[in-house]
Amino acid sequence: MSTANPPQKQTKPESLQKKSSDPLSSDPQQNSTTSPQTAQRKRKLPSKAKLLLMAVVVAGIAVLTVPALRTPLFSALASGPKKNTTYITDKVTKGPFRVTVTERGQLDSLNNVTLTSKVKGYTTILSIVPEGTMVKAGDLVCELDSALLVDKEKQQQIQVTQAEAELKQAEENVAIQKTQNDSDISAAKLALELAKLDLEKFQKGESQRDLNVKEGAITKSREDLQRAEENFEFSKRIAKKGYKNQNDVEADRINVVKAEIDLEIAKEDLKVEKEYVQKRKERELDADVLEKERNLERVQRKGIATLAQFEAKLKASQLTYEVEKSELERMREQIVACKMIAPQNGQVVYANQDSGRRSSGEDVIEEGTEVRERQAIIQLPDFTQMKVDARIHESKISMIQQGLPVDIRVDAFPDQIYQGRVDQVSSVPISSNWMRPDLKEYKATIKIIPNGADITKLKPGLTAEIEIRIEERDNVIQVPVQSVITIGDQRYMFVLAADGAPLRREVKIGQASDTMIEVLDGVKVSEEVILNPRTHFADELIDLEEQLALAKKKQA
C-alpha cells in the first residue's frame, strides 16, 4: 500500500494527448493521458488558469440550478487529472489467494465437566479446594452446608412413620371390610334361601295339609250330625214306649242342632282357609322372598360401597406414604449432594468467569458464599482436549463447514500457531443482544489438534483469534476489498493512470476474503488502485448511480 501524488513523466505526442480518455468513463487500459509537462506549461499561464477557475464556478452554479447540465459538466471536469490530491493506493497483485474467515473466541475444554449445586434453594459453601488444585475422580472438591437439611430429614422421618402407620391401618380396614362383606352377604343369602323354602313348603305341603284339616273337620261334623240325628230318632221312639223321658229326648234334639252348627262352622272354616288364609299366607311368603332378594342386593351394594371407601383411603394412604418417603429420599440425596465429588481427573477452576456473573451481582465462588440451585461452582476441564468457542456473523456462516482447517493464535502465546478444525456449527443463531437485536451470530466450535504442540499450557478463558481457511489457490489476481465499490449489480474500481489521473474501471470479481478480493477481469497486475474511492468521488458515484438507475428503468 502506498500514498500516491500525480507522478511526473515525459511529454507524449499531441496525437496521443488528443486521445486522452475520460477518467470516470470505462478505460480500455490502452488509452493515454495528458503529459505532466504539458500540464506544467498550462499552469504557467495564469490567465488560462483563471479562466478555468471561473468556468468551474459557473459550471457548479449551473449544476445546482440545471440538473440536465450535470452529466456533461461532470465529463468536462473529469477530462483531466485532479491535481494536488493524495490517494491511498495499493497494487494489483498475483499470487496465493486465501479465502478465510477471521473471528475471535475463547478457549475451553472440549471435555469440560461443570459441577453445579443440586441443593434446592440456597445454601452456603462450607469448604472448597483451592482453585488450580489437581484432583482425581472421587475426590471431595466442595462441601455445602447441610445442617438445615439434616433437621428437615429428621422431621420428614416422623412424617414417613406416621404415613406408614396410617397405611397399615388402611390395609387392615380393607381386609376387615372384605370379611364383613362376606359375612353379611352369606347371611342375606341364607335368609333368602329360607324364605324360598318357606314358600315352597307352604305351596307344596302346608297349604294342602291345612285344607285337609278343614275338610276332615267337615267330615267329622257330618258324622257327628248323623249320629246325633240317629240318637234323636231313637230317643223319640223309645220315649213313646216310655223308656225315656222327655228331657232326654230334648237333649238329643239339642245335640242334633249343635252338630248342624258345627258342620256349618267347619264348612265356613274350609271356605275361609281356601279363599283368604292360604292366599294371604302365600302372598306373605312371596313378599318375604322378594324382600330377602332385595336385602341381598342391598347388602352386596353396601359392602361394595364401604369397601370402595376403605380402598380409596388405602390408595390415599399409599400415595401419602410414597410421597413422604420420596421426600425423605430426596432430602437424603440433598444431604449427599452437599458433598461434591469430582467425576473425573482435572484441575479445579472456579465458575467465576461465566458470562454475566460479575454484572449480575452474584458473589464470587469462595468459602462462605451463598449459592443457589443449579449454580455452577466448579469446572473440571480436561486440558488434553481443548477447543475454541467463536461466533460467526450470519453473512459468513454459509462458508463455514464442518472439518475446515483453522489456524489458531492465542493472545497469551502470540508466537505459537495452533492447528484445528471446525468441529460443530450451530444451525440456529445465538440469542440476540438487547442492545443489537438485528445482530445474528452462530456459534462455531473449533477443536484444537495437537500435532506435536503442547496444548496442556492452554487454559480455559484465554482469548484466541481463529482463521478458518475456506479456500486456497495460487496465481490469483487480487486487490484489497476496500478498493472495490458496488453500484447496482456492477463492481467498479478506480485505477491511477501513468500521469496520476484516476480512471474508473468496471471489473468482474470472484471470491473474497476478509482483506482481499479476487478480480477476474478489468485490471492488470501491478496497476495502482485507489483504496478509498467513495471519499474522493462521492458526487461522481452518485451521478453514476443515477445514470445506471435511469438506464435500468428504460430497459424495464
Protein backbone atom coordinates (compact mmCIF):
# COMPACT_ATOMS: atom_id res chain seq x y z
CA MET A 1 0.00 0.00 0.00
CA SER A 2 1.29 3.46 -0.82
CA THR A 3 0.33 7.11 -0.84
CA ALA A 4 0.49 8.45 -4.40
CA ASN A 5 0.79 12.01 -5.76
CA PRO A 6 0.46 12.55 -9.51
CA PRO A 7 3.87 11.44 -10.93
CA GLN A 8 5.91 13.45 -13.46
CA LYS A 9 6.62 11.79 -16.82
CA GLN A 10 7.91 12.75 -20.30
CA THR A 11 5.58 14.65 -22.63
CA LYS A 12 3.75 12.41 -25.05
CA PRO A 13 2.93 13.27 -28.67
CA GLU A 14 -0.02 15.53 -29.29
CA SER A 15 -1.79 12.77 -31.18
CA LEU A 16 -1.85 10.70 -28.01
CA GLN A 17 -2.82 13.74 -25.93
CA LYS A 18 -5.93 14.21 -28.04
CA LYS A 19 -6.93 10.62 -27.29
CA SER A 20 -6.90 11.18 -23.52
CA SER A 21 -9.93 9.40 -22.10
CA ASP A 22 -12.48 10.46 -19.52
CA PRO A 23 -11.09 9.33 -16.18
CA LEU A 24 -14.57 8.39 -14.98
CA SER A 25 -15.59 6.52 -18.08
CA SER A 26 -14.72 2.90 -18.88
CA ASP A 27 -10.97 2.65 -19.50
CA PRO A 28 -9.79 0.33 -22.28
CA GLN A 29 -6.39 0.33 -20.49
CA GLN A 30 -4.60 1.32 -23.73
CA ASN A 31 -5.71 5.00 -23.70
CA SER A 32 -3.01 7.57 -23.00
CA THR A 33 -3.39 10.59 -20.74
CA THR A 34 -2.23 14.20 -20.82
CA SER A 35 1.51 14.61 -20.15
CA PRO A 36 2.54 16.12 -16.82
CA GLN A 37 4.94 18.54 -18.69
CA THR A 38 2.02 19.80 -20.75
CA ALA A 39 0.08 20.31 -17.55
CA GLN A 40 3.02 22.26 -16.10
CA ARG A 41 3.16 24.55 -19.15
CA LYS A 42 -0.55 25.21 -18.72
CA ARG A 43 -0.01 26.16 -15.10
CA LYS A 44 2.49 28.77 -16.25
CA LEU A 45 -0.35 30.65 -17.99
CA PRO A 46 -2.15 32.41 -15.17
CA SER A 47 -4.82 33.87 -17.44
CA LYS A 48 -5.90 30.44 -18.61
CA ALA A 49 -5.93 29.17 -15.04
CA LYS A 50 -8.20 31.99 -14.00
CA LEU A 51 -10.48 31.27 -16.91
CA LEU A 52 -10.60 27.62 -15.95
CA LEU A 53 -11.42 28.51 -12.33
CA MET A 54 -14.21 30.80 -13.47
CA ALA A 55 -15.52 28.02 -15.69
CA VAL A 56 -15.60 25.62 -12.73
CA VAL A 57 -17.56 28.14 -10.61
CA VAL A 58 -20.03 28.78 -13.40
CA ALA A 59 -20.38 25.06 -14.03
CA GLY A 60 -21.05 24.42 -10.36
CA ILE A 61 -23.81 27.02 -10.30
CA ALA A 62 -25.24 25.50 -13.45
CA VAL A 63 -25.24 22.04 -11.92
CA LEU A 64 -27.09 23.31 -8.86
CA THR A 65 -29.68 25.11 -10.95
CA VAL A 66 -29.91 22.99 -14.10
CA PRO A 67 -29.78 19.22 -13.44
CA ALA A 68 -29.63 18.49 -17.18
CA LEU A 69 -26.15 20.09 -17.33
CA ARG A 70 -24.76 17.90 -14.54
CA THR A 71 -23.58 14.96 -16.65
CA PRO A 72 -21.90 17.00 -19.46
CA LEU A 73 -20.19 19.24 -16.95
CA PHE A 74 -19.06 16.18 -14.92
CA SER A 75 -17.45 14.73 -18.02
CA ALA A 76 -15.72 18.03 -18.79
CA LEU A 77 -14.35 18.34 -15.26
CA ALA A 78 -13.20 14.73 -15.23
CA SER A 79 -11.29 15.07 -18.50
CA GLY A 80 -8.12 15.99 -16.63
CA PRO A 81 -6.43 14.56 -13.52
CA LYS A 82 -7.16 16.06 -10.12
CA LYS A 83 -4.01 17.83 -9.15
CA ASN A 84 -2.73 18.25 -5.60
CA THR A 85 -4.88 15.26 -4.49
CA THR A 86 -3.40 12.49 -2.35
CA TYR A 87 -4.78 8.98 -2.84
CA ILE A 88 -4.26 5.93 -0.67
CA THR A 89 -3.39 3.21 -3.14
CA ASP A 90 -2.25 -0.36 -3.38
CA LYS A 91 -1.07 -2.52 -6.25
CA VAL A 92 -2.88 -5.27 -8.07
CA THR A 93 -1.03 -8.46 -7.16
CA LYS A 94 -0.96 -12.01 -8.39
CA GLY A 95 -0.14 -14.84 -6.07
CA PRO A 96 -1.55 -17.22 -3.46
CA PHE A 97 -5.11 -16.38 -2.55
CA ARG A 98 -6.70 -17.49 0.66
CA VAL A 99 -10.39 -17.13 1.43
CA THR A 100 -10.53 -17.08 5.20
CA VAL A 101 -12.90 -16.07 7.96
CA THR A 102 -11.27 -14.48 10.98
CA GLU A 103 -13.04 -14.23 14.32
CA ARG A 104 -12.14 -14.11 17.98
CA GLY A 105 -13.24 -16.52 20.65
CA GLN A 106 -12.45 -18.08 24.00
CA LEU A 107 -10.66 -21.30 24.84
CA ASP A 108 -12.45 -24.01 26.73
CA SER A 109 -12.02 -27.69 27.40
CA LEU A 110 -13.63 -29.99 24.89
CA ASN A 111 -14.44 -32.35 27.70
CA ASN A 112 -15.44 -29.86 30.35
CA VAL A 113 -17.38 -31.09 33.38
CA THR A 114 -19.26 -28.45 35.36
CA LEU A 115 -20.21 -29.20 38.96
CA THR A 116 -23.38 -27.37 39.95
CA SER A 117 -25.27 -27.11 43.21
CA LYS A 118 -28.01 -29.74 43.37
CA VAL A 119 -29.34 -28.47 46.68
CA LYS A 120 -32.80 -26.95 46.42
CA GLY A 121 -32.99 -23.25 47.19
CA TYR A 122 -29.92 -21.56 48.63
CA THR A 123 -27.08 -22.95 50.69
CA THR A 124 -23.61 -21.88 51.79
CA ILE A 125 -20.19 -23.18 50.78
CA LEU A 126 -18.53 -24.64 53.89
CA SER A 127 -15.30 -25.70 52.22
CA ILE A 128 -13.84 -25.80 48.74
CA VAL A 129 -10.46 -26.92 47.44
CA PRO A 130 -8.18 -24.09 46.24
CA GLU A 131 -8.53 -23.10 42.62
CA GLY A 132 -5.93 -24.71 40.41
CA THR A 133 -5.70 -27.88 42.51
CA MET A 134 -5.27 -31.06 40.50
CA VAL A 135 -7.83 -33.62 41.69
CA LYS A 136 -8.67 -37.20 40.85
CA ALA A 137 -12.00 -38.83 40.21
CA GLY A 138 -13.72 -39.47 43.57
CA ASP A 139 -12.03 -36.63 45.46
CA LEU A 140 -14.14 -34.29 47.60
CA VAL A 141 -13.82 -30.86 46.00
CA CYS A 142 -16.56 -28.85 47.72
CA GLU A 143 -18.87 -29.23 50.71
CA LEU A 144 -22.09 -27.27 51.18
CA ASP A 145 -23.88 -26.56 54.45
CA SER A 146 -26.28 -29.45 55.21
CA ALA A 147 -27.32 -28.60 58.80
CA LEU A 148 -30.78 -27.37 57.83
CA LEU A 149 -31.30 -30.38 55.59
CA VAL A 150 -30.38 -32.76 58.42
CA ASP A 151 -33.05 -31.16 60.66
CA LYS A 152 -35.61 -31.41 57.88
CA GLU A 153 -34.63 -35.02 57.30
CA LYS A 154 -35.47 -35.87 60.93
CA GLN A 155 -38.85 -34.15 60.70
CA GLN A 156 -39.54 -35.94 57.45
CA GLN A 157 -38.70 -39.29 59.05
CA ILE A 158 -41.52 -38.64 61.54
CA GLN A 159 -43.90 -37.89 58.68
CA VAL A 160 -42.91 -41.13 56.98
CA THR A 161 -43.51 -43.14 60.17
CA GLN A 162 -46.98 -41.63 60.60
CA ALA A 163 -47.82 -42.22 56.97
CA GLU A 164 -46.67 -45.83 57.27
CA ALA A 165 -48.92 -46.40 60.31
CA GLU A 166 -51.92 -44.90 58.50
CA LEU A 167 -51.15 -47.13 55.54
CA LYS A 168 -51.16 -50.27 57.67
CA GLN A 169 -54.43 -49.23 59.33
CA ALA A 170 -55.98 -48.63 55.92
CA GLU A 171 -54.83 -52.06 54.76
CA GLU A 172 -56.41 -53.70 57.85
CA ASN A 173 -59.66 -51.79 57.33
CA VAL A 174 -59.87 -53.09 53.79
CA ALA A 175 -59.24 -56.66 54.94
CA ILE A 176 -61.85 -56.36 57.73
CA GLN A 177 -64.41 -54.90 55.38
CA LYS A 178 -63.89 -57.72 52.91
CA THR A 179 -64.56 -60.27 55.68
CA GLN A 180 -67.58 -58.31 56.89
CA ASN A 181 -68.95 -58.18 53.37
CA ASP A 182 -68.60 -61.94 53.02
CA SER A 183 -70.44 -62.48 56.32
CA ASP A 184 -73.25 -60.05 55.52
CA ILE A 185 -73.73 -61.49 52.06
CA SER A 186 -73.76 -65.06 53.39
CA ALA A 187 -76.41 -64.13 55.98
CA ALA A 188 -78.53 -62.39 53.37
CA LYS A 189 -78.25 -65.37 51.04
CA LEU A 190 -79.27 -67.74 53.85
CA ALA A 191 -82.29 -65.61 54.71
CA LEU A 192 -83.32 -65.62 51.06
CA GLU A 193 -82.89 -69.37 50.83
CA LEU A 194 -85.02 -69.93 53.96
CA ALA A 195 -87.72 -67.63 52.63
CA LYS A 196 -87.84 -69.58 49.41
CA LEU A 197 -88.05 -72.85 51.39
CA ASP A 198 -90.93 -71.47 53.48
CA LEU A 199 -92.77 -70.53 50.31
CA GLU A 200 -92.10 -73.89 48.75
CA LYS A 201 -93.13 -75.69 51.98
CA PHE A 202 -96.42 -73.84 52.07
CA GLN A 203 -97.15 -74.31 48.40
CA LYS A 204 -96.27 -78.00 48.34
CA GLY A 205 -97.23 -79.08 51.90
CA GLU A 206 -98.81 -76.78 54.43
CA SER A 207 -101.46 -75.44 52.11
CA GLN A 208 -102.90 -78.88 51.32
CA ARG A 209 -102.46 -80.03 54.89
CA ASP A 210 -104.49 -77.13 56.22
CA LEU A 211 -107.19 -77.83 53.62
CA ASN A 212 -107.25 -81.47 54.61
CA VAL A 213 -107.66 -80.49 58.25
CA LYS A 214 -110.60 -78.28 57.40
CA GLU A 215 -112.16 -80.88 55.19
CA GLY A 216 -111.65 -83.52 57.93
CA ALA A 217 -113.42 -81.26 60.37
CA ILE A 218 -116.36 -81.07 57.98
CA THR A 219 -116.45 -84.85 57.62
CA LYS A 220 -116.36 -85.30 61.37
CA SER A 221 -119.09 -82.69 61.81
CA ARG A 222 -121.25 -84.55 59.34
CA GLU A 223 -120.70 -87.80 61.15
CA ASP A 224 -121.47 -86.13 64.46
CA LEU A 225 -124.63 -84.69 62.97
CA GLN A 226 -125.67 -88.06 61.58
CA ARG A 227 -125.04 -89.75 64.92
CA ALA A 228 -126.94 -87.00 66.74
CA GLU A 229 -129.88 -87.37 64.38
CA GLU A 230 -129.91 -91.14 64.83
CA ASN A 231 -129.79 -90.76 68.62
CA PHE A 232 -132.59 -88.22 68.47
CA GLU A 233 -134.77 -90.52 66.37
CA PHE A 234 -134.03 -93.45 68.66
CA SER A 235 -134.85 -91.31 71.71
CA LYS A 236 -138.19 -90.32 70.21
CA ARG A 237 -139.11 -93.94 69.51
CA ILE A 238 -138.28 -95.27 72.91
CA ALA A 239 -139.81 -92.18 74.57
CA LYS A 240 -143.14 -93.16 73.03
CA LYS A 241 -142.77 -96.56 74.65
CA GLY A 242 -141.98 -94.89 77.92
CA TYR A 243 -138.43 -95.92 78.22
CA LYS A 244 -137.05 -92.38 78.05
CA ASN A 245 -138.30 -89.23 79.45
CA GLN A 246 -138.96 -86.08 77.50
CA ASN A 247 -135.86 -84.27 78.80
CA ASP A 248 -133.60 -86.88 77.35
CA VAL A 249 -135.35 -86.53 74.03
CA GLU A 250 -134.92 -82.79 74.17
CA ALA A 251 -131.22 -83.18 74.93
CA ASP A 252 -130.80 -85.40 71.91
CA ARG A 253 -132.55 -82.81 69.79
CA ILE A 254 -130.22 -80.12 71.07
CA ASN A 255 -127.27 -82.33 70.15
CA VAL A 256 -128.61 -82.51 66.61
CA VAL A 257 -128.82 -78.72 66.41
CA LYS A 258 -125.33 -78.44 67.83
CA ALA A 259 -123.99 -80.92 65.28
CA GLU A 260 -125.62 -78.97 62.47
CA ILE A 261 -124.00 -75.78 63.72
CA ASP A 262 -120.61 -77.47 63.99
CA LEU A 263 -120.96 -78.70 60.42
CA GLU A 264 -121.69 -75.22 59.14
CA ILE A 265 -118.78 -73.84 61.08
CA ALA A 266 -116.47 -76.47 59.59
CA LYS A 267 -117.70 -75.61 56.11
CA GLU A 268 -117.08 -71.90 56.73
CA ASP A 269 -113.60 -72.65 58.07
CA LEU A 270 -112.80 -74.53 54.88
CA LYS A 271 -114.11 -71.68 52.79
CA VAL A 272 -112.07 -69.08 54.74
CA GLU A 273 -108.99 -71.30 54.51
CA LYS A 274 -109.27 -71.58 50.76
CA GLU A 275 -110.31 -68.05 49.86
CA TYR A 276 -108.39 -65.97 52.41
CA VAL A 277 -105.94 -67.64 54.75
CA GLN A 278 -103.94 -69.59 52.21
CA LYS A 279 -103.88 -66.74 49.65
CA ARG A 280 -102.68 -64.32 52.28
CA LYS A 281 -100.03 -66.63 53.59
CA GLU A 282 -98.74 -67.35 50.06
CA ARG A 283 -98.53 -63.65 49.31
CA GLU A 284 -96.71 -63.03 52.59
CA LEU A 285 -94.22 -65.75 51.78
CA ASP A 286 -93.77 -64.37 48.23
CA ALA A 287 -93.19 -60.89 49.62
CA ASP A 288 -90.71 -62.27 52.13
CA VAL A 289 -88.75 -63.95 49.34
CA LEU A 290 -88.72 -60.73 47.33
CA GLU A 291 -87.61 -58.73 50.37
CA LYS A 292 -84.82 -61.19 51.06
CA GLU A 293 -83.65 -60.87 47.43
CA ARG A 294 -83.65 -57.10 47.73
CA ASN A 295 -81.89 -57.29 51.06
CA LEU A 296 -79.19 -59.45 49.49
CA GLU A 297 -78.68 -56.85 46.76
CA ARG A 298 -78.57 -54.07 49.36
CA VAL A 299 -76.02 -55.93 51.41
CA GLN A 300 -73.88 -56.57 48.35
CA ARG A 301 -74.04 -52.94 47.20
CA LYS A 302 -73.42 -51.60 50.68
CA GLY A 303 -70.46 -53.89 51.06
CA ILE A 304 -69.05 -52.79 47.72
CA ALA A 305 -69.51 -49.10 48.60
CA THR A 306 -67.99 -49.45 52.04
CA LEU A 307 -65.10 -51.47 50.66
CA ALA A 308 -64.55 -48.84 47.94
CA GLN A 309 -64.30 -46.16 50.61
CA PHE A 310 -61.72 -48.12 52.54
CA GLU A 311 -59.82 -48.93 49.35
CA ALA A 312 -59.83 -45.23 48.41
CA LYS A 313 -58.45 -44.41 51.84
CA LEU A 314 -55.88 -47.15 51.32
CA LYS A 315 -54.79 -45.66 47.99
CA ALA A 316 -54.60 -42.21 49.55
CA SER A 317 -52.54 -43.62 52.39
CA GLN A 318 -50.27 -45.42 49.93
CA LEU A 319 -49.80 -42.25 47.91
CA THR A 320 -49.16 -40.22 51.05
CA TYR A 321 -46.63 -42.76 52.22
CA GLU A 322 -44.89 -42.82 48.83
CA VAL A 323 -44.78 -39.01 48.69
CA GLU A 324 -43.43 -38.72 52.21
CA LYS A 325 -40.93 -41.49 51.61
CA SER A 326 -39.87 -39.93 48.30
CA GLU A 327 -39.41 -36.60 50.06
CA LEU A 328 -37.29 -38.32 52.69
CA GLU A 329 -35.15 -39.94 50.00
CA ARG A 330 -34.85 -36.59 48.22
CA MET A 331 -33.70 -34.92 51.42
CA ARG A 332 -31.14 -37.66 51.93
CA GLU A 333 -29.99 -37.17 48.35
CA GLN A 334 -29.75 -33.44 49.04
CA ILE A 335 -27.59 -34.15 52.08
CA VAL A 336 -25.38 -36.40 49.97
CA ALA A 337 -25.29 -33.70 47.25
CA CYS A 338 -23.80 -31.28 49.75
CA LYS A 339 -20.56 -33.17 49.25
CA MET A 340 -19.48 -32.56 45.66
CA ILE A 341 -17.25 -35.34 44.30
CA ALA A 342 -15.02 -34.98 41.23
CA PRO A 343 -16.35 -37.26 38.46
CA GLN A 344 -13.05 -37.20 36.55
CA ASN A 345 -9.44 -36.13 36.84
CA GLY A 346 -8.81 -32.46 36.23
CA GLN A 347 -7.81 -29.07 37.54
CA VAL A 348 -10.25 -27.18 39.72
CA VAL A 349 -11.46 -23.97 38.11
CA TYR A 350 -13.97 -21.79 39.97
CA ALA A 351 -17.00 -20.93 37.89
CA ASN A 352 -16.48 -17.17 38.26
CA GLN A 353 -15.91 -16.34 34.62
CA ASP A 354 -19.38 -17.29 33.44
CA SER A 355 -20.98 -14.72 31.22
CA GLY A 356 -22.76 -12.04 33.17
CA ARG A 357 -21.78 -13.37 36.60
CA ARG A 358 -20.00 -10.26 37.81
CA SER A 359 -22.55 -7.90 36.33
CA SER A 360 -25.47 -9.88 37.76
CA GLY A 361 -24.35 -9.18 41.33
CA GLU A 362 -23.62 -12.80 42.28
CA ASP A 363 -20.74 -13.32 44.70
CA VAL A 364 -17.55 -14.99 43.58
CA ILE A 365 -17.02 -18.64 44.47
CA GLU A 366 -15.29 -18.97 47.85
CA GLU A 367 -15.94 -20.33 51.33
CA GLY A 368 -18.98 -18.66 52.88
CA THR A 369 -20.56 -17.74 49.56
CA GLU A 370 -24.27 -18.44 49.26
CA VAL A 371 -25.10 -20.39 46.12
CA ARG A 372 -28.42 -21.25 44.50
CA GLU A 373 -29.70 -24.44 42.97
CA ARG A 374 -28.14 -25.27 39.57
CA GLN A 375 -25.50 -22.56 40.02
CA ALA A 376 -22.15 -23.60 38.57
CA ILE A 377 -19.49 -23.83 41.27
CA ILE A 378 -16.54 -25.76 39.87
CA GLN A 379 -15.37 -26.69 36.41
CA LEU A 380 -13.06 -29.62 35.76
CA PRO A 381 -11.60 -29.11 32.30
CA ASP A 382 -9.66 -31.84 30.52
CA PHE A 383 -6.60 -29.96 29.28
CA THR A 384 -5.66 -32.74 26.88
CA GLN A 385 -8.64 -31.81 24.69
CA MET A 386 -9.20 -28.11 24.07
CA LYS A 387 -11.49 -26.09 21.84
CA VAL A 388 -12.26 -22.51 20.85
CA ASP A 389 -15.82 -21.21 21.03
CA ALA A 390 -16.37 -18.44 18.47
CA ARG A 391 -19.27 -16.54 16.96
CA ILE A 392 -19.68 -16.31 13.19
CA HIS A 393 -21.66 -13.49 11.59
CA GLU A 394 -24.64 -14.57 9.51
CA SER A 395 -23.06 -13.13 6.33
CA LYS A 396 -20.22 -15.68 6.62
CA ILE A 397 -21.96 -18.69 8.08
CA SER A 398 -22.74 -20.19 4.67
CA MET A 399 -19.00 -20.63 4.05
CA ILE A 400 -18.34 -22.48 7.31
CA GLN A 401 -18.49 -26.25 7.09
CA GLN A 402 -17.56 -28.98 9.49
CA GLY A 403 -14.00 -30.21 9.02
CA LEU A 404 -12.46 -27.00 7.59
CA PRO A 405 -8.87 -26.35 8.75
CA VAL A 406 -8.28 -23.50 11.19
CA ASP A 407 -5.21 -21.53 12.29
CA ILE A 408 -5.41 -20.51 15.94
CA ARG A 409 -3.41 -17.74 17.62
CA VAL A 410 -3.75 -17.46 21.38
CA ASP A 411 -3.17 -13.95 22.76
CA ALA A 412 -1.22 -15.35 25.70
CA PHE A 413 1.19 -17.16 23.33
CA PRO A 414 1.43 -14.89 20.26
CA ASP A 415 4.43 -16.71 18.77
CA GLN A 416 2.64 -20.07 18.65
CA ILE A 417 0.18 -21.01 15.90
CA TYR A 418 -2.04 -23.95 16.77
CA GLN A 419 -3.89 -26.09 14.27
CA GLY A 420 -7.53 -27.00 14.49
CA ARG A 421 -10.63 -27.89 12.56
CA VAL A 422 -14.27 -26.88 12.62
CA ASP A 423 -15.96 -29.42 14.88
CA GLN A 424 -19.50 -28.07 15.13
CA VAL A 425 -21.56 -25.24 13.65
CA SER A 426 -24.84 -24.21 15.23
CA SER A 427 -27.90 -24.42 12.99
CA VAL A 428 -29.70 -21.61 14.84
CA PRO A 429 -28.39 -18.17 15.78
CA ILE A 430 -27.38 -17.24 19.29
CA SER A 431 -29.94 -15.24 21.25
CA SER A 432 -29.86 -11.62 20.17
CA ASN A 433 -28.24 -8.95 22.30
CA TRP A 434 -30.89 -6.49 23.51
CA MET A 435 -28.59 -3.63 22.50
CA ARG A 436 -28.26 -5.03 18.96
CA PRO A 437 -31.40 -7.07 18.21
CA ASP A 438 -30.60 -7.15 14.48
CA LEU A 439 -27.25 -8.89 15.05
CA LYS A 440 -27.36 -12.58 14.07
CA GLU A 441 -24.40 -14.75 15.03
CA TYR A 442 -23.90 -18.50 15.02
CA LYS A 443 -21.79 -20.47 17.46
CA ALA A 444 -18.89 -22.45 15.99
CA THR A 445 -16.74 -24.91 17.92
CA ILE A 446 -13.12 -25.27 16.81
CA LYS A 447 -11.31 -28.36 18.05
CA ILE A 448 -7.58 -27.83 18.65
CA ILE A 449 -5.42 -30.56 17.11
CA PRO A 450 -2.12 -31.03 18.99
CA ASN A 451 0.05 -32.07 16.00
CA GLY A 452 3.03 -32.20 18.35
CA ALA A 453 2.24 -28.87 20.03
CA ASP A 454 1.94 -28.70 23.81
CA ILE A 455 -1.69 -27.76 24.43
CA THR A 456 -1.64 -28.55 28.14
CA LYS A 457 -0.47 -25.00 28.85
CA LEU A 458 -3.67 -23.63 27.33
CA LYS A 459 -6.25 -22.62 29.89
CA PRO A 460 -10.00 -22.13 29.62
CA GLY A 461 -10.99 -18.50 29.21
CA LEU A 462 -7.95 -17.40 27.20
CA THR A 463 -8.74 -15.24 24.18
CA ALA A 464 -7.75 -16.55 20.77
CA GLU A 465 -8.03 -15.49 17.15
CA ILE A 466 -9.18 -18.13 14.69
CA GLU A 467 -8.65 -18.04 10.95
CA ILE A 468 -10.85 -20.55 9.15
CA ARG A 469 -9.34 -21.49 5.80
CA ILE A 470 -12.23 -21.67 3.35
CA GLU A 471 -10.27 -21.90 0.08
CA GLU A 472 -6.61 -21.67 -1.06
CA ARG A 473 -5.40 -21.13 -4.67
CA ASP A 474 -2.24 -19.96 -6.42
CA ASN A 475 -1.71 -17.34 -9.17
CA VAL A 476 -4.85 -15.36 -8.40
CA ILE A 477 -5.13 -11.68 -9.36
CA GLN A 478 -6.33 -9.85 -6.26
CA VAL A 479 -6.83 -6.41 -4.77
CA PRO A 480 -7.77 -5.10 -1.32
CA VAL A 481 -11.51 -5.33 -0.67
CA GLN A 482 -11.78 -1.60 0.10
CA SER A 483 -10.81 -0.72 -3.47
CA VAL A 484 -13.97 -2.27 -4.93
CA ILE A 485 -17.28 -0.46 -4.87
CA THR A 486 -20.68 -1.87 -5.79
CA ILE A 487 -23.28 0.10 -7.70
CA GLY A 488 -26.36 -1.90 -8.51
CA ASP A 489 -25.27 -5.24 -9.92
CA GLN A 490 -21.89 -3.95 -11.11
CA ARG A 491 -18.48 -3.62 -9.47
CA TYR A 492 -16.09 -0.69 -10.07
CA MET A 493 -12.54 0.31 -9.19
CA PHE A 494 -10.51 3.46 -9.67
CA VAL A 495 -7.07 2.93 -11.19
CA LEU A 496 -4.31 5.54 -11.32
CA ALA A 497 -3.08 6.17 -14.83
CA ALA A 498 0.58 6.80 -15.58
CA ASP A 499 0.11 10.56 -15.08
CA GLY A 500 -1.80 10.07 -11.80
CA ALA A 501 -5.27 10.57 -13.23
CA PRO A 502 -7.97 8.35 -11.66
CA LEU A 503 -9.68 6.09 -14.17
CA ARG A 504 -12.89 4.24 -13.41
CA ARG A 505 -12.95 0.57 -14.35
CA GLU A 506 -15.80 -1.88 -14.36
CA VAL A 507 -14.48 -5.20 -13.05
CA LYS A 508 -15.62 -8.76 -12.54
CA ILE A 509 -14.87 -10.26 -9.15
CA GLY A 510 -14.68 -13.77 -7.73
CA GLN A 511 -14.16 -15.00 -4.19
CA ALA A 512 -13.36 -12.64 -1.34
CA SER A 513 -11.62 -12.94 1.99
CA ASP A 514 -11.63 -10.53 4.91
CA THR A 515 -8.90 -8.38 3.29
CA MET A 516 -8.53 -9.35 -0.39
CA ILE A 517 -10.88 -9.92 -3.29
CA GLU A 518 -10.29 -11.89 -6.46
CA VAL A 519 -10.51 -9.91 -9.76
CA LEU A 520 -11.45 -11.95 -12.83
CA ASP A 521 -11.35 -9.11 -15.36
CA GLY A 522 -10.82 -5.33 -15.55
CA VAL A 523 -7.33 -4.67 -14.13
CA LYS A 524 -3.77 -5.82 -14.67
CA VAL A 525 -1.09 -6.88 -12.25
CA SER A 526 0.97 -4.01 -10.74
CA GLU A 527 -1.63 -1.34 -11.51
CA GLU A 528 -2.28 1.14 -8.72
CA VAL A 529 -5.83 1.06 -7.32
CA ILE A 530 -7.38 3.67 -5.06
CA LEU A 531 -8.49 2.25 -1.70
CA ASN A 532 -10.90 4.97 -0.70
CA PRO A 533 -12.85 5.82 -3.88
CA ARG A 534 -16.03 6.93 -2.15
CA THR A 535 -14.08 9.55 -0.23
CA HIS A 536 -12.75 11.24 -3.37
CA PHE A 537 -15.50 10.55 -5.92
CA ALA A 538 -18.70 10.75 -3.88
CA ASP A 539 -20.51 13.14 -6.24
CA GLU A 540 -19.36 11.33 -9.34
CA LEU A 541 -20.54 8.00 -7.92
CA ILE A 542 -23.92 9.48 -7.10
CA ASP A 543 -24.25 10.60 -10.71
CA LEU A 544 -23.19 7.16 -11.89
CA GLU A 545 -25.81 5.54 -9.68
CA GLU A 546 -28.46 7.83 -11.15
CA GLN A 547 -27.33 7.04 -14.69
CA LEU A 548 -27.41 3.29 -14.07
CA ALA A 549 -30.79 3.50 -12.37
CA LEU A 550 -32.17 5.54 -15.28
CA ALA A 551 -30.75 3.08 -17.82
CA LYS A 552 -32.20 0.15 -15.92
CA LYS A 553 -35.57 1.88 -15.78
CA LYS A 554 -35.54 2.44 -19.54
CA GLN A 555 -34.69 -1.21 -20.16
CA ALA A 556 -37.55 -2.28 -17.96
